Protein backbone atom coordinates (compact mmCIF):
# COMPACT_ATOMS: atom_id res chain seq x y z
CA UNK A 1 0.00 0.00 0.00
CA UNK A 2 2.68 2.50 1.00
CA UNK A 3 4.47 1.88 -2.30
CA UNK A 4 1.60 3.60 -4.12
CA UNK A 5 2.30 6.75 -2.10
CA UNK A 6 6.07 6.47 -1.52
CA UNK A 7 6.81 9.68 -3.45
CA UNK A 8 4.19 11.53 -1.35
CA UNK A 9 5.65 10.66 2.09
CA UNK A 10 7.05 13.33 4.37
CA UNK A 11 9.58 11.53 6.59
CA UNK A 12 9.94 13.10 10.04
CA UNK A 13 11.49 11.45 13.09
CA UNK A 14 11.00 7.93 11.75
CA UNK A 15 7.37 8.61 10.82
CA UNK A 16 5.82 8.43 7.38
CA UNK A 17 3.45 11.39 7.21
CA UNK A 18 0.96 12.35 4.52
CA UNK A 19 -0.88 15.54 3.68
CA UNK A 20 -4.61 15.65 4.33
CA UNK A 21 -5.33 15.17 0.61
CA UNK A 22 -3.00 12.19 0.31
CA UNK A 23 -4.40 10.68 3.52
CA UNK A 24 -7.90 10.73 2.03
CA UNK A 25 -6.59 9.06 -1.16
CA UNK A 26 -4.71 6.49 0.95
CA UNK A 27 -7.93 5.65 2.82
CA UNK A 28 -9.71 5.18 -0.53
CA UNK A 29 -7.02 2.70 -1.59
CA UNK A 30 -7.33 0.87 1.73
CA UNK A 31 -11.07 0.60 1.17
CA UNK A 32 -10.61 -0.76 -2.37
CA UNK A 33 -8.22 -3.44 -1.11
CA UNK A 34 -10.07 -3.99 2.22
CA UNK A 35 -6.94 -3.09 4.19
CA UNK A 36 -7.62 -2.58 7.89
CA UNK A 37 -6.86 0.90 9.21
CA UNK A 38 -5.83 0.67 12.86
CA UNK A 39 -5.45 4.37 13.53
CA UNK A 40 -4.68 7.82 12.20
CA UNK A 41 -2.47 10.27 14.07
CA UNK A 42 -2.44 13.98 13.27
CA UNK A 43 0.72 16.10 13.47
CA UNK A 44 1.47 19.77 13.17
CA UNK A 45 4.70 20.26 11.23
CA UNK A 46 7.03 23.22 11.43
CA UNK A 47 10.55 23.64 10.11
CA UNK A 48 11.97 22.57 13.47
CA UNK A 49 9.33 20.36 15.05
CA UNK A 50 6.84 17.54 14.60
CA UNK A 51 4.06 18.06 17.15
CA UNK A 52 1.54 15.23 17.69
CA UNK A 53 -2.07 16.29 18.14
CA UNK A 54 -4.18 13.90 20.21
CA UNK A 55 -7.30 15.89 19.34
CA UNK A 56 -6.63 15.08 15.68
CA UNK A 57 -5.88 11.39 16.15
CA UNK A 58 -8.13 8.35 16.30
CA UNK A 59 -7.52 4.76 17.44
CA UNK A 60 -9.52 2.30 15.35
CA UNK A 61 -7.92 -0.91 16.59
CA UNK A 62 -11.11 -1.82 18.49
CA UNK A 63 -13.37 -1.38 15.45
CA UNK A 64 -14.29 -4.09 12.98
CA UNK A 65 -13.19 -3.16 9.47
CA UNK A 66 -15.99 -5.44 8.25
CA UNK A 67 -18.36 -2.62 9.13
CA UNK A 68 -18.83 -1.02 5.71
CA UNK A 69 -19.22 2.42 7.27
CA UNK A 70 -15.78 2.40 8.92
CA UNK A 71 -14.01 3.83 5.87
CA UNK A 72 -16.62 6.59 5.61
CA UNK A 73 -16.12 7.32 9.30
CA UNK A 74 -12.35 7.58 8.85
CA UNK A 75 -12.68 9.77 5.75
CA UNK A 76 -15.10 12.09 7.55
CA UNK A 77 -12.74 12.32 10.53
CA UNK A 78 -9.81 13.34 8.31
CA UNK A 79 -11.93 15.66 6.14
CA UNK A 80 -12.98 17.61 9.25
CA UNK A 81 -9.36 18.19 10.38
CA UNK A 82 -7.41 21.38 9.60
CA UNK A 83 -5.67 21.46 6.22
CA UNK A 84 -2.25 22.14 7.72
CA UNK A 85 -2.11 18.79 9.54
CA UNK A 86 -0.09 15.83 8.37
CA UNK A 87 -1.13 12.28 9.22
CA UNK A 88 0.47 8.99 10.07
CA UNK A 89 -1.71 6.10 8.92
CA UNK A 90 -1.43 2.90 10.91
CA UNK A 91 -2.74 0.00 8.89
CA UNK A 92 -2.44 -3.75 8.62
CA UNK A 93 -0.40 -4.61 5.55
CA UNK A 94 -1.91 -7.46 3.55
CA UNK A 95 0.28 -10.48 2.89
PDB file of N, CA and C in Angstrom:
ATOM      1  N   UNK A   1       0.830  -1.196   0.000  1.00  0.00           N
ATOM      2  CA  UNK A   1       0.000   0.000   0.000  1.00  0.00           C
ATOM      3  C   UNK A   1       0.874   1.259   0.000  1.00  0.00           C
ATOM      4  N   UNK A   2       1.843   1.305   0.887  1.00  0.00           N
ATOM      5  CA  UNK A   2       2.682   2.501   1.001  1.00  0.00           C
ATOM      6  C   UNK A   2       3.464   2.756  -0.277  1.00  0.00           C
ATOM      7  N   UNK A   3       3.736   1.698  -1.050  1.00  0.00           N
ATOM      8  CA  UNK A   3       4.470   1.883  -2.301  1.00  0.00           C
ATOM      9  C   UNK A   3       3.727   2.783  -3.277  1.00  0.00           C
ATOM     10  N   UNK A   4       2.396   2.739  -3.245  1.00  0.00           N
ATOM     11  CA  UNK A   4       1.603   3.604  -4.120  1.00  0.00           C
ATOM     12  C   UNK A   4       1.826   5.079  -3.805  1.00  0.00           C
ATOM     13  N   UNK A   5       2.189   5.370  -2.566  1.00  0.00           N
ATOM     14  CA  UNK A   5       2.300   6.750  -2.099  1.00  0.00           C
ATOM     15  C   UNK A   5       3.723   7.106  -1.676  1.00  0.00           C
ATOM     16  N   UNK A   6       4.718   6.268  -2.037  1.00  0.00           N
ATOM     17  CA  UNK A   6       6.072   6.475  -1.522  1.00  0.00           C
ATOM     18  C   UNK A   6       6.663   7.823  -1.907  1.00  0.00           C
ATOM     19  N   UNK A   7       6.284   8.364  -3.045  1.00  0.00           N
ATOM     20  CA  UNK A   7       6.808   9.677  -3.452  1.00  0.00           C
ATOM     21  C   UNK A   7       6.036  10.827  -2.804  1.00  0.00           C
ATOM     22  N   UNK A   8       5.019  10.507  -2.019  1.00  0.00           N
ATOM     23  CA  UNK A   8       4.191  11.526  -1.355  1.00  0.00           C
ATOM     24  C   UNK A   8       4.477  11.612   0.148  1.00  0.00           C
ATOM     25  N   UNK A   9       5.361  10.743   0.650  1.00  0.00           N
ATOM     26  CA  UNK A   9       5.645  10.664   2.087  1.00  0.00           C
ATOM     27  C   UNK A   9       6.527  11.821   2.528  1.00  0.00           C
ATOM     28  N   UNK A  10       6.182  12.396   3.670  1.00  0.00           N
ATOM     29  CA  UNK A  10       7.050  13.332   4.374  1.00  0.00           C
ATOM     30  C   UNK A  10       7.626  12.547   5.543  1.00  0.00           C
ATOM     31  N   UNK A  11       8.935  12.299   5.518  1.00  0.00           N
ATOM     32  CA  UNK A  11       9.584  11.533   6.587  1.00  0.00           C
ATOM     33  C   UNK A  11      10.057  12.488   7.663  1.00  0.00           C
ATOM     34  N   UNK A  12       9.563  12.268   8.883  1.00  0.00           N
ATOM     35  CA  UNK A  12       9.943  13.101  10.035  1.00  0.00           C
ATOM     36  C   UNK A  12      10.092  12.214  11.253  1.00  0.00           C
ATOM     37  N   UNK A  13      11.275  12.193  11.850  1.00  0.00           N
ATOM     38  CA  UNK A  13      11.488  11.455  13.091  1.00  0.00           C
ATOM     39  C   UNK A  13      11.094   9.990  13.022  1.00  0.00           C
ATOM     40  N   UNK A  14      11.352   9.339  11.904  1.00  0.00           N
ATOM     41  CA  UNK A  14      11.000   7.932  11.749  1.00  0.00           C
ATOM     42  C   UNK A  14       9.549   7.681  11.383  1.00  0.00           C
ATOM     43  N   UNK A  15       8.782   8.736  11.192  1.00  0.00           N
ATOM     44  CA  UNK A  15       7.371   8.612  10.823  1.00  0.00           C
ATOM     45  C   UNK A  15       7.185   8.847   9.334  1.00  0.00           C
ATOM     46  N   UNK A  16       6.242   8.159   8.749  1.00  0.00           N
ATOM     47  CA  UNK A  16       5.818   8.428   7.377  1.00  0.00           C
ATOM     48  C   UNK A  16       4.527   9.228   7.459  1.00  0.00           C
ATOM     49  N   UNK A  17       4.601  10.494   7.091  1.00  0.00           N
ATOM     50  CA  UNK A  17       3.453  11.393   7.209  1.00  0.00           C
ATOM     51  C   UNK A  17       2.933  11.776   5.832  1.00  0.00           C
ATOM     52  N   UNK A  18       1.628  11.994   5.768  1.00  0.00           N
ATOM     53  CA  UNK A  18       0.964  12.345   4.518  1.00  0.00           C
ATOM     54  C   UNK A  18       0.133  13.605   4.715  1.00  0.00           C
ATOM     55  N   UNK A  19       0.006  14.375   3.652  1.00  0.00           N
ATOM     56  CA  UNK A  19      -0.878  15.542   3.683  1.00  0.00           C
ATOM     57  C   UNK A  19      -2.319  15.062   3.853  1.00  0.00           C
ATOM     58  N   UNK A  20      -3.187  15.976   4.178  1.00  0.00           N
ATOM     59  CA  UNK A  20      -4.610  15.646   4.331  1.00  0.00           C
ATOM     60  C   UNK A  20      -5.159  15.041   3.038  1.00  0.00           C
ATOM     61  N   UNK A  21      -4.847  15.659   1.914  1.00  0.00           N
ATOM     62  CA  UNK A  21      -5.332  15.173   0.614  1.00  0.00           C
ATOM     63  C   UNK A  21      -4.839  13.754   0.332  1.00  0.00           C
ATOM     64  N   UNK A  22      -3.548  13.521   0.563  1.00  0.00           N
ATOM     65  CA  UNK A  22      -2.997  12.188   0.314  1.00  0.00           C
ATOM     66  C   UNK A  22      -3.537  11.162   1.305  1.00  0.00           C
ATOM     67  N   UNK A  23      -3.807  11.588   2.526  1.00  0.00           N
ATOM     68  CA  UNK A  23      -4.397  10.685   3.520  1.00  0.00           C
ATOM     69  C   UNK A  23      -5.766  10.209   3.052  1.00  0.00           C
ATOM     70  N   UNK A  24      -6.571  11.111   2.528  1.00  0.00           N
ATOM     71  CA  UNK A  24      -7.896  10.726   2.026  1.00  0.00           C
ATOM     72  C   UNK A  24      -7.778   9.758   0.849  1.00  0.00           C
ATOM     73  N   UNK A  25      -6.814   9.978  -0.034  1.00  0.00           N
ATOM     74  CA  UNK A  25      -6.589   9.058  -1.156  1.00  0.00           C
ATOM     75  C   UNK A  25      -6.103   7.700  -0.653  1.00  0.00           C
ATOM     76  N   UNK A  26      -5.223   7.723   0.356  1.00  0.00           N
ATOM     77  CA  UNK A  26      -4.707   6.492   0.951  1.00  0.00           C
ATOM     78  C   UNK A  26      -5.861   5.673   1.540  1.00  0.00           C
ATOM     79  N   UNK A  27      -6.765   6.336   2.235  1.00  0.00           N
ATOM     80  CA  UNK A  27      -7.930   5.653   2.819  1.00  0.00           C
ATOM     81  C   UNK A  27      -8.782   5.025   1.713  1.00  0.00           C
ATOM     82  N   UNK A  28      -8.963   5.741   0.598  1.00  0.00           N
ATOM     83  CA  UNK A  28      -9.713   5.182  -0.533  1.00  0.00           C
ATOM     84  C   UNK A  28      -9.064   3.895  -1.034  1.00  0.00           C
ATOM     85  N   UNK A  29      -7.735   3.892  -1.132  1.00  0.00           N
ATOM     86  CA  UNK A  29      -7.021   2.695  -1.589  1.00  0.00           C
ATOM     87  C   UNK A  29      -7.163   1.559  -0.582  1.00  0.00           C
ATOM     88  N   UNK A  30      -7.119   1.889   0.698  1.00  0.00           N
ATOM     89  CA  UNK A  30      -7.334   0.868   1.733  1.00  0.00           C
ATOM     90  C   UNK A  30      -8.718   0.247   1.590  1.00  0.00           C
ATOM     91  N   UNK A  31      -9.707   1.093   1.331  1.00  0.00           N
ATOM     92  CA  UNK A  31     -11.075   0.597   1.170  1.00  0.00           C
ATOM     93  C   UNK A  31     -11.180  -0.325  -0.043  1.00  0.00           C
ATOM     94  N   UNK A  32     -10.568   0.064  -1.156  1.00  0.00           N
ATOM     95  CA  UNK A  32     -10.614  -0.761  -2.374  1.00  0.00           C
ATOM     96  C   UNK A  32     -10.023  -2.141  -2.130  1.00  0.00           C
ATOM     97  N   UNK A  33      -8.928  -2.186  -1.355  1.00  0.00           N
ATOM     98  CA  UNK A  33      -8.221  -3.442  -1.105  1.00  0.00           C
ATOM     99  C   UNK A  33      -8.606  -4.088   0.223  1.00  0.00           C
ATOM    100  N   UNK A  34      -9.627  -3.552   0.885  1.00  0.00           N
ATOM    101  CA  UNK A  34     -10.071  -3.990   2.216  1.00  0.00           C
ATOM    102  C   UNK A  34      -8.907  -4.162   3.192  1.00  0.00           C
ATOM    103  N   UNK A  35      -8.058  -3.144   3.244  1.00  0.00           N
ATOM    104  CA  UNK A  35      -6.943  -3.094   4.185  1.00  0.00           C
ATOM    105  C   UNK A  35      -7.444  -2.454   5.476  1.00  0.00           C
ATOM    106  N   UNK A  36      -7.171  -3.089   6.596  1.00  0.00           N
ATOM    107  CA  UNK A  36      -7.618  -2.578   7.894  1.00  0.00           C
ATOM    108  C   UNK A  36      -6.803  -1.362   8.312  1.00  0.00           C
ATOM    109  N   UNK A  37      -7.494  -0.290   8.656  1.00  0.00           N
ATOM    110  CA  UNK A  37      -6.858   0.904   9.206  1.00  0.00           C
ATOM    111  C   UNK A  37      -6.984   0.804  10.721  1.00  0.00           C
ATOM    112  N   UNK A  38      -5.850   0.832  11.400  1.00  0.00           N
ATOM    113  CA  UNK A  38      -5.829   0.672  12.856  1.00  0.00           C
ATOM    114  C   UNK A  38      -5.851   2.001  13.589  1.00  0.00           C
ATOM    115  N   UNK A  39      -5.446   3.058  12.901  1.00  0.00           N
ATOM    116  CA  UNK A  39      -5.449   4.373  13.527  1.00  0.00           C
ATOM    117  C   UNK A  39      -4.898   5.432  12.605  1.00  0.00           C
ATOM    118  N   UNK A  40      -5.199   6.668  12.934  1.00  0.00           N
ATOM    119  CA  UNK A  40      -4.681   7.821  12.201  1.00  0.00           C
ATOM    120  C   UNK A  40      -4.264   8.846  13.243  1.00  0.00           C
ATOM    121  N   UNK A  41      -3.015   9.295  13.125  1.00  0.00           N
ATOM    122  CA  UNK A  41      -2.474  10.272  14.066  1.00  0.00           C
ATOM    123  C   UNK A  41      -2.159  11.565  13.334  1.00  0.00           C
ATOM    124  N   UNK A  42      -2.679  12.664  13.851  1.00  0.00           N
ATOM    125  CA  UNK A  42      -2.442  13.977  13.269  1.00  0.00           C
ATOM    126  C   UNK A  42      -1.215  14.644  13.874  1.00  0.00           C
ATOM    127  N   UNK A  43      -0.488  15.390  13.040  1.00  0.00           N
ATOM    128  CA  UNK A  43       0.716  16.096  13.466  1.00  0.00           C
ATOM    129  C   UNK A  43       0.742  17.486  12.856  1.00  0.00           C
ATOM    130  N   UNK A  44       1.153  18.441  13.669  1.00  0.00           N
ATOM    131  CA  UNK A  44       1.470  19.769  13.168  1.00  0.00           C
ATOM    132  C   UNK A  44       2.964  19.784  12.863  1.00  0.00           C
ATOM    133  N   UNK A  45       3.312  20.255  11.683  1.00  0.00           N
ATOM    134  CA  UNK A  45       4.696  20.255  11.231  1.00  0.00           C
ATOM    135  C   UNK A  45       5.181  21.691  11.087  1.00  0.00           C
ATOM    136  N   UNK A  46       6.343  21.962  11.670  1.00  0.00           N
ATOM    137  CA  UNK A  46       7.035  23.223  11.425  1.00  0.00           C
ATOM    138  C   UNK A  46       8.427  22.873  10.925  1.00  0.00           C
ATOM    139  N   UNK A  47       9.194  23.883  10.604  1.00  0.00           N
ATOM    140  CA  UNK A  47      10.547  23.640  10.111  1.00  0.00           C
ATOM    141  C   UNK A  47      11.377  22.873  11.137  1.00  0.00           C
ATOM    142  N   UNK A  48      11.138  23.145  12.422  1.00  0.00           N
ATOM    143  CA  UNK A  48      11.973  22.570  13.472  1.00  0.00           C
ATOM    144  C   UNK A  48      11.282  21.543  14.358  1.00  0.00           C
ATOM    145  N   UNK A  49      10.004  21.280  14.130  1.00  0.00           N
ATOM    146  CA  UNK A  49       9.326  20.358  15.048  1.00  0.00           C
ATOM    147  C   UNK A  49       8.239  19.538  14.358  1.00  0.00           C
ATOM    148  N   UNK A  50       7.942  18.414  14.994  1.00  0.00           N
ATOM    149  CA  UNK A  50       6.841  17.542  14.604  1.00  0.00           C
ATOM    150  C   UNK A  50       6.009  17.353  15.861  1.00  0.00           C
ATOM    151  N   UNK A  51       4.869  18.024  15.934  1.00  0.00           N
ATOM    152  CA  UNK A  51       4.056  18.059  17.151  1.00  0.00           C
ATOM    153  C   UNK A  51       2.816  17.183  17.001  1.00  0.00           C
ATOM    154  N   UNK A  52       2.749  16.057  17.754  1.00  0.00           N
ATOM    155  CA  UNK A  52       1.539  15.234  17.685  1.00  0.00           C
ATOM    156  C   UNK A  52       0.332  15.978  18.242  1.00  0.00           C
ATOM    157  N   UNK A  53      -0.824  15.671  17.693  1.00  0.00           N
ATOM    158  CA  UNK A  53      -2.070  16.287  18.143  1.00  0.00           C
ATOM    159  C   UNK A  53      -3.071  15.192  18.494  1.00  0.00           C
ATOM    160  N   UNK A  54      -3.237  14.941  19.779  1.00  0.00           N
ATOM    161  CA  UNK A  54      -4.177  13.903  20.210  1.00  0.00           C
ATOM    162  C   UNK A  54      -5.608  14.219  19.799  1.00  0.00           C
ATOM    163  N   UNK A  55      -5.946  15.496  19.744  1.00  0.00           N
ATOM    164  CA  UNK A  55      -7.297  15.894  19.343  1.00  0.00           C
ATOM    165  C   UNK A  55      -7.567  15.575  17.875  1.00  0.00           C
ATOM    166  N   UNK A  56      -6.504  15.365  17.113  1.00  0.00           N
ATOM    167  CA  UNK A  56      -6.628  15.080  15.685  1.00  0.00           C
ATOM    168  C   UNK A  56      -6.125  13.681  15.355  1.00  0.00           C
ATOM    169  N   UNK A  57      -6.298  12.785  16.303  1.00  0.00           N
ATOM    170  CA  UNK A  57      -5.883  11.391  16.149  1.00  0.00           C
ATOM    171  C   UNK A  57      -7.040  10.490  16.556  1.00  0.00           C
ATOM    172  N   UNK A  58      -7.062   9.294  15.976  1.00  0.00           N
ATOM    173  CA  UNK A  58      -8.131   8.348  16.298  1.00  0.00           C
ATOM    174  C   UNK A  58      -7.561   6.928  16.290  1.00  0.00           C
ATOM    175  N   UNK A  59      -7.920   6.156  17.319  1.00  0.00           N
ATOM    176  CA  UNK A  59      -7.523   4.755  17.438  1.00  0.00           C
ATOM    177  C   UNK A  59      -8.692   3.897  16.967  1.00  0.00           C
ATOM    178  N   UNK A  60      -8.459   3.130  15.919  1.00  0.00           N
ATOM    179  CA  UNK A  60      -9.520   2.296  15.348  1.00  0.00           C
ATOM    180  C   UNK A  60      -9.288   0.817  15.597  1.00  0.00           C
ATOM    181  N   UNK A  61      -8.287   0.491  16.401  1.00  0.00           N
ATOM    182  CA  UNK A  61      -7.923  -0.913  16.590  1.00  0.00           C
ATOM    183  C   UNK A  61      -9.056  -1.735  17.206  1.00  0.00           C
ATOM    184  N   UNK A  62      -9.982  -1.102  17.890  1.00  0.00           N
ATOM    185  CA  UNK A  62     -11.108  -1.815  18.488  1.00  0.00           C
ATOM    186  C   UNK A  62     -12.319  -1.943  17.578  1.00  0.00           C
ATOM    187  N   UNK A  63     -12.244  -1.348  16.386  1.00  0.00           N
ATOM    188  CA  UNK A  63     -13.367  -1.379  15.449  1.00  0.00           C
ATOM    189  C   UNK A  63     -13.212  -2.529  14.466  1.00  0.00           C
ATOM    190  N   UNK A  64     -14.308  -3.059  14.017  1.00  0.00           N
ATOM    191  CA  UNK A  64     -14.286  -4.087  12.982  1.00  0.00           C
ATOM    192  C   UNK A  64     -14.268  -3.414  11.617  1.00  0.00           C
ATOM    193  N   UNK A  65     -13.266  -3.732  10.813  1.00  0.00           N
ATOM    194  CA  UNK A  65     -13.191  -3.163   9.470  1.00  0.00           C
ATOM    195  C   UNK A  65     -14.234  -3.798   8.558  1.00  0.00           C
ATOM    196  N   UNK A  66     -14.908  -4.834   9.033  1.00  0.00           N
ATOM    197  CA  UNK A  66     -15.986  -5.443   8.254  1.00  0.00           C
ATOM    198  C   UNK A  66     -17.219  -4.552   8.222  1.00  0.00           C
ATOM    199  N   UNK A  67     -17.274  -3.604   9.137  1.00  0.00           N
ATOM    200  CA  UNK A  67     -18.362  -2.623   9.131  1.00  0.00           C
ATOM    201  C   UNK A  67     -18.140  -1.713   7.924  1.00  0.00           C
ATOM    202  N   UNK A  68     -19.030  -1.764   6.960  1.00  0.00           N
ATOM    203  CA  UNK A  68     -18.831  -1.022   5.714  1.00  0.00           C
ATOM    204  C   UNK A  68     -18.747   0.485   5.915  1.00  0.00           C
ATOM    205  N   UNK A  69     -19.242   0.979   7.026  1.00  0.00           N
ATOM    206  CA  UNK A  69     -19.215   2.417   7.267  1.00  0.00           C
ATOM    207  C   UNK A  69     -17.908   2.905   7.875  1.00  0.00           C
ATOM    208  N   UNK A  70     -17.007   1.992   8.238  1.00  0.00           N
ATOM    209  CA  UNK A  70     -15.782   2.396   8.925  1.00  0.00           C
ATOM    210  C   UNK A  70     -14.916   3.292   8.041  1.00  0.00           C
ATOM    211  N   UNK A  71     -14.831   2.995   6.759  1.00  0.00           N
ATOM    212  CA  UNK A  71     -14.013   3.827   5.873  1.00  0.00           C
ATOM    213  C   UNK A  71     -14.626   5.218   5.728  1.00  0.00           C
ATOM    214  N   UNK A  72     -15.955   5.290   5.655  1.00  0.00           N
ATOM    215  CA  UNK A  72     -16.622   6.594   5.606  1.00  0.00           C
ATOM    216  C   UNK A  72     -16.374   7.376   6.886  1.00  0.00           C
ATOM    217  N   UNK A  73     -16.400   6.686   8.012  1.00  0.00           N
ATOM    218  CA  UNK A  73     -16.122   7.320   9.301  1.00  0.00           C
ATOM    219  C   UNK A  73     -14.710   7.909   9.324  1.00  0.00           C
ATOM    220  N   UNK A  74     -13.748   7.127   8.864  1.00  0.00           N
ATOM    221  CA  UNK A  74     -12.351   7.579   8.854  1.00  0.00           C
ATOM    222  C   UNK A  74     -12.180   8.753   7.893  1.00  0.00           C
ATOM    223  N   UNK A  75     -12.784   8.664   6.716  1.00  0.00           N
ATOM    224  CA  UNK A  75     -12.677   9.767   5.750  1.00  0.00           C
ATOM    225  C   UNK A  75     -13.313  11.039   6.299  1.00  0.00           C
ATOM    226  N   UNK A  76     -14.456  10.914   6.952  1.00  0.00           N
ATOM    227  CA  UNK A  76     -15.102  12.086   7.554  1.00  0.00           C
ATOM    228  C   UNK A  76     -14.232  12.691   8.639  1.00  0.00           C
ATOM    229  N   UNK A  77     -13.626  11.843   9.462  1.00  0.00           N
ATOM    230  CA  UNK A  77     -12.745  12.322  10.528  1.00  0.00           C
ATOM    231  C   UNK A  77     -11.610  13.158   9.940  1.00  0.00           C
ATOM    232  N   UNK A  78     -10.936  12.627   8.922  1.00  0.00           N
ATOM    233  CA  UNK A  78      -9.805  13.341   8.308  1.00  0.00           C
ATOM    234  C   UNK A  78     -10.295  14.600   7.604  1.00  0.00           C
ATOM    235  N   UNK A  79     -11.404  14.511   6.886  1.00  0.00           N
ATOM    236  CA  UNK A  79     -11.927  15.663   6.142  1.00  0.00           C
ATOM    237  C   UNK A  79     -12.248  16.838   7.058  1.00  0.00           C
ATOM    238  N   UNK A  80     -12.620  16.555   8.298  1.00  0.00           N
ATOM    239  CA  UNK A  80     -12.975  17.608   9.253  1.00  0.00           C
ATOM    240  C   UNK A  80     -11.764  18.227   9.948  1.00  0.00           C
ATOM    241  N   UNK A  81     -10.580  17.679   9.732  1.00  0.00           N
ATOM    242  CA  UNK A  81      -9.360  18.191  10.375  1.00  0.00           C
ATOM    243  C   UNK A  81      -8.815  19.390   9.604  1.00  0.00           C
ATOM    244  N   UNK A  82      -8.020  20.229  10.282  1.00  0.00           N
ATOM    245  CA  UNK A  82      -7.411  21.385   9.604  1.00  0.00           C
ATOM    246  C   UNK A  82      -6.509  20.951   8.442  1.00  0.00           C
ATOM    247  N   UNK A  83      -6.450  21.773   7.417  1.00  0.00           N
ATOM    248  CA  UNK A  83      -5.673  21.461   6.224  1.00  0.00           C
ATOM    249  C   UNK A  83      -4.174  21.465   6.419  1.00  0.00           C
ATOM    250  N   UNK A  84      -3.694  22.079   7.506  1.00  0.00           N
ATOM    251  CA  UNK A  84      -2.249  22.143   7.719  1.00  0.00           C
ATOM    252  C   UNK A  84      -1.711  20.956   8.518  1.00  0.00           C
ATOM    253  N   UNK A  85      -2.558  19.997   8.832  1.00  0.00           N
ATOM    254  CA  UNK A  85      -2.113  18.793   9.535  1.00  0.00           C
ATOM    255  C   UNK A  85      -1.517  17.794   8.560  1.00  0.00           C
ATOM    256  N   UNK A  86      -0.592  16.995   9.077  1.00  0.00           N
ATOM    257  CA  UNK A  86      -0.093  15.827   8.368  1.00  0.00           C
ATOM    258  C   UNK A  86      -0.503  14.618   9.193  1.00  0.00           C
ATOM    259  N   UNK A  87      -0.595  13.453   8.550  1.00  0.00           N
ATOM    260  CA  UNK A  87      -1.132  12.279   9.218  1.00  0.00           C
ATOM    261  C   UNK A  87      -0.233  11.066   9.038  1.00  0.00           C
ATOM    262  N   UNK A  88      -0.114  10.319  10.126  1.00  0.00           N
ATOM    263  CA  UNK A  88       0.469   8.985  10.067  1.00  0.00           C
ATOM    264  C   UNK A  88      -0.705   8.021  10.003  1.00  0.00           C
ATOM    265  N   UNK A  89      -0.640   7.078   9.090  1.00  0.00           N
ATOM    266  CA  UNK A  89      -1.714   6.100   8.921  1.00  0.00           C
ATOM    267  C   UNK A  89      -1.189   4.750   9.388  1.00  0.00           C
ATOM    268  N   UNK A  90      -1.819   4.203  10.401  1.00  0.00           N
ATOM    269  CA  UNK A  90      -1.428   2.897  10.913  1.00  0.00           C
ATOM    270  C   UNK A  90      -2.407   1.890  10.326  1.00  0.00           C
ATOM    271  N   UNK A  91      -1.880   0.954   9.583  1.00  0.00           N
ATOM    272  CA  UNK A  91      -2.740  -0.002   8.893  1.00  0.00           C
ATOM    273  C   UNK A  91      -2.093  -1.377   8.919  1.00  0.00           C
ATOM    274  N   UNK A  92      -2.904  -2.370   8.643  1.00  0.00           N
ATOM    275  CA  UNK A  92      -2.441  -3.747   8.623  1.00  0.00           C
ATOM    276  C   UNK A  92      -2.127  -4.125   7.185  1.00  0.00           C
ATOM    277  N   UNK A  93      -0.842  -4.277   6.909  1.00  0.00           N
ATOM    278  CA  UNK A  93      -0.399  -4.613   5.546  1.00  0.00           C
ATOM    279  C   UNK A  93      -0.884  -6.014   5.191  1.00  0.00           C
ATOM    280  N   UNK A  94      -1.431  -6.153   4.016  1.00  0.00           N
ATOM    281  CA  UNK A  94      -1.909  -7.464   3.549  1.00  0.00           C
ATOM    282  C   UNK A  94      -0.736  -8.277   3.058  1.00  0.00           C
ATOM    283  N   UNK A  95      -0.810  -9.563   3.297  1.00  0.00           N
ATOM    284  CA  UNK A  95       0.275 -10.478   2.889  1.00  0.00           C
ATOM    285  C   UNK A  95       0.077 -10.941   1.466  1.00  0.00           C
TER     286      UNK A  95
END
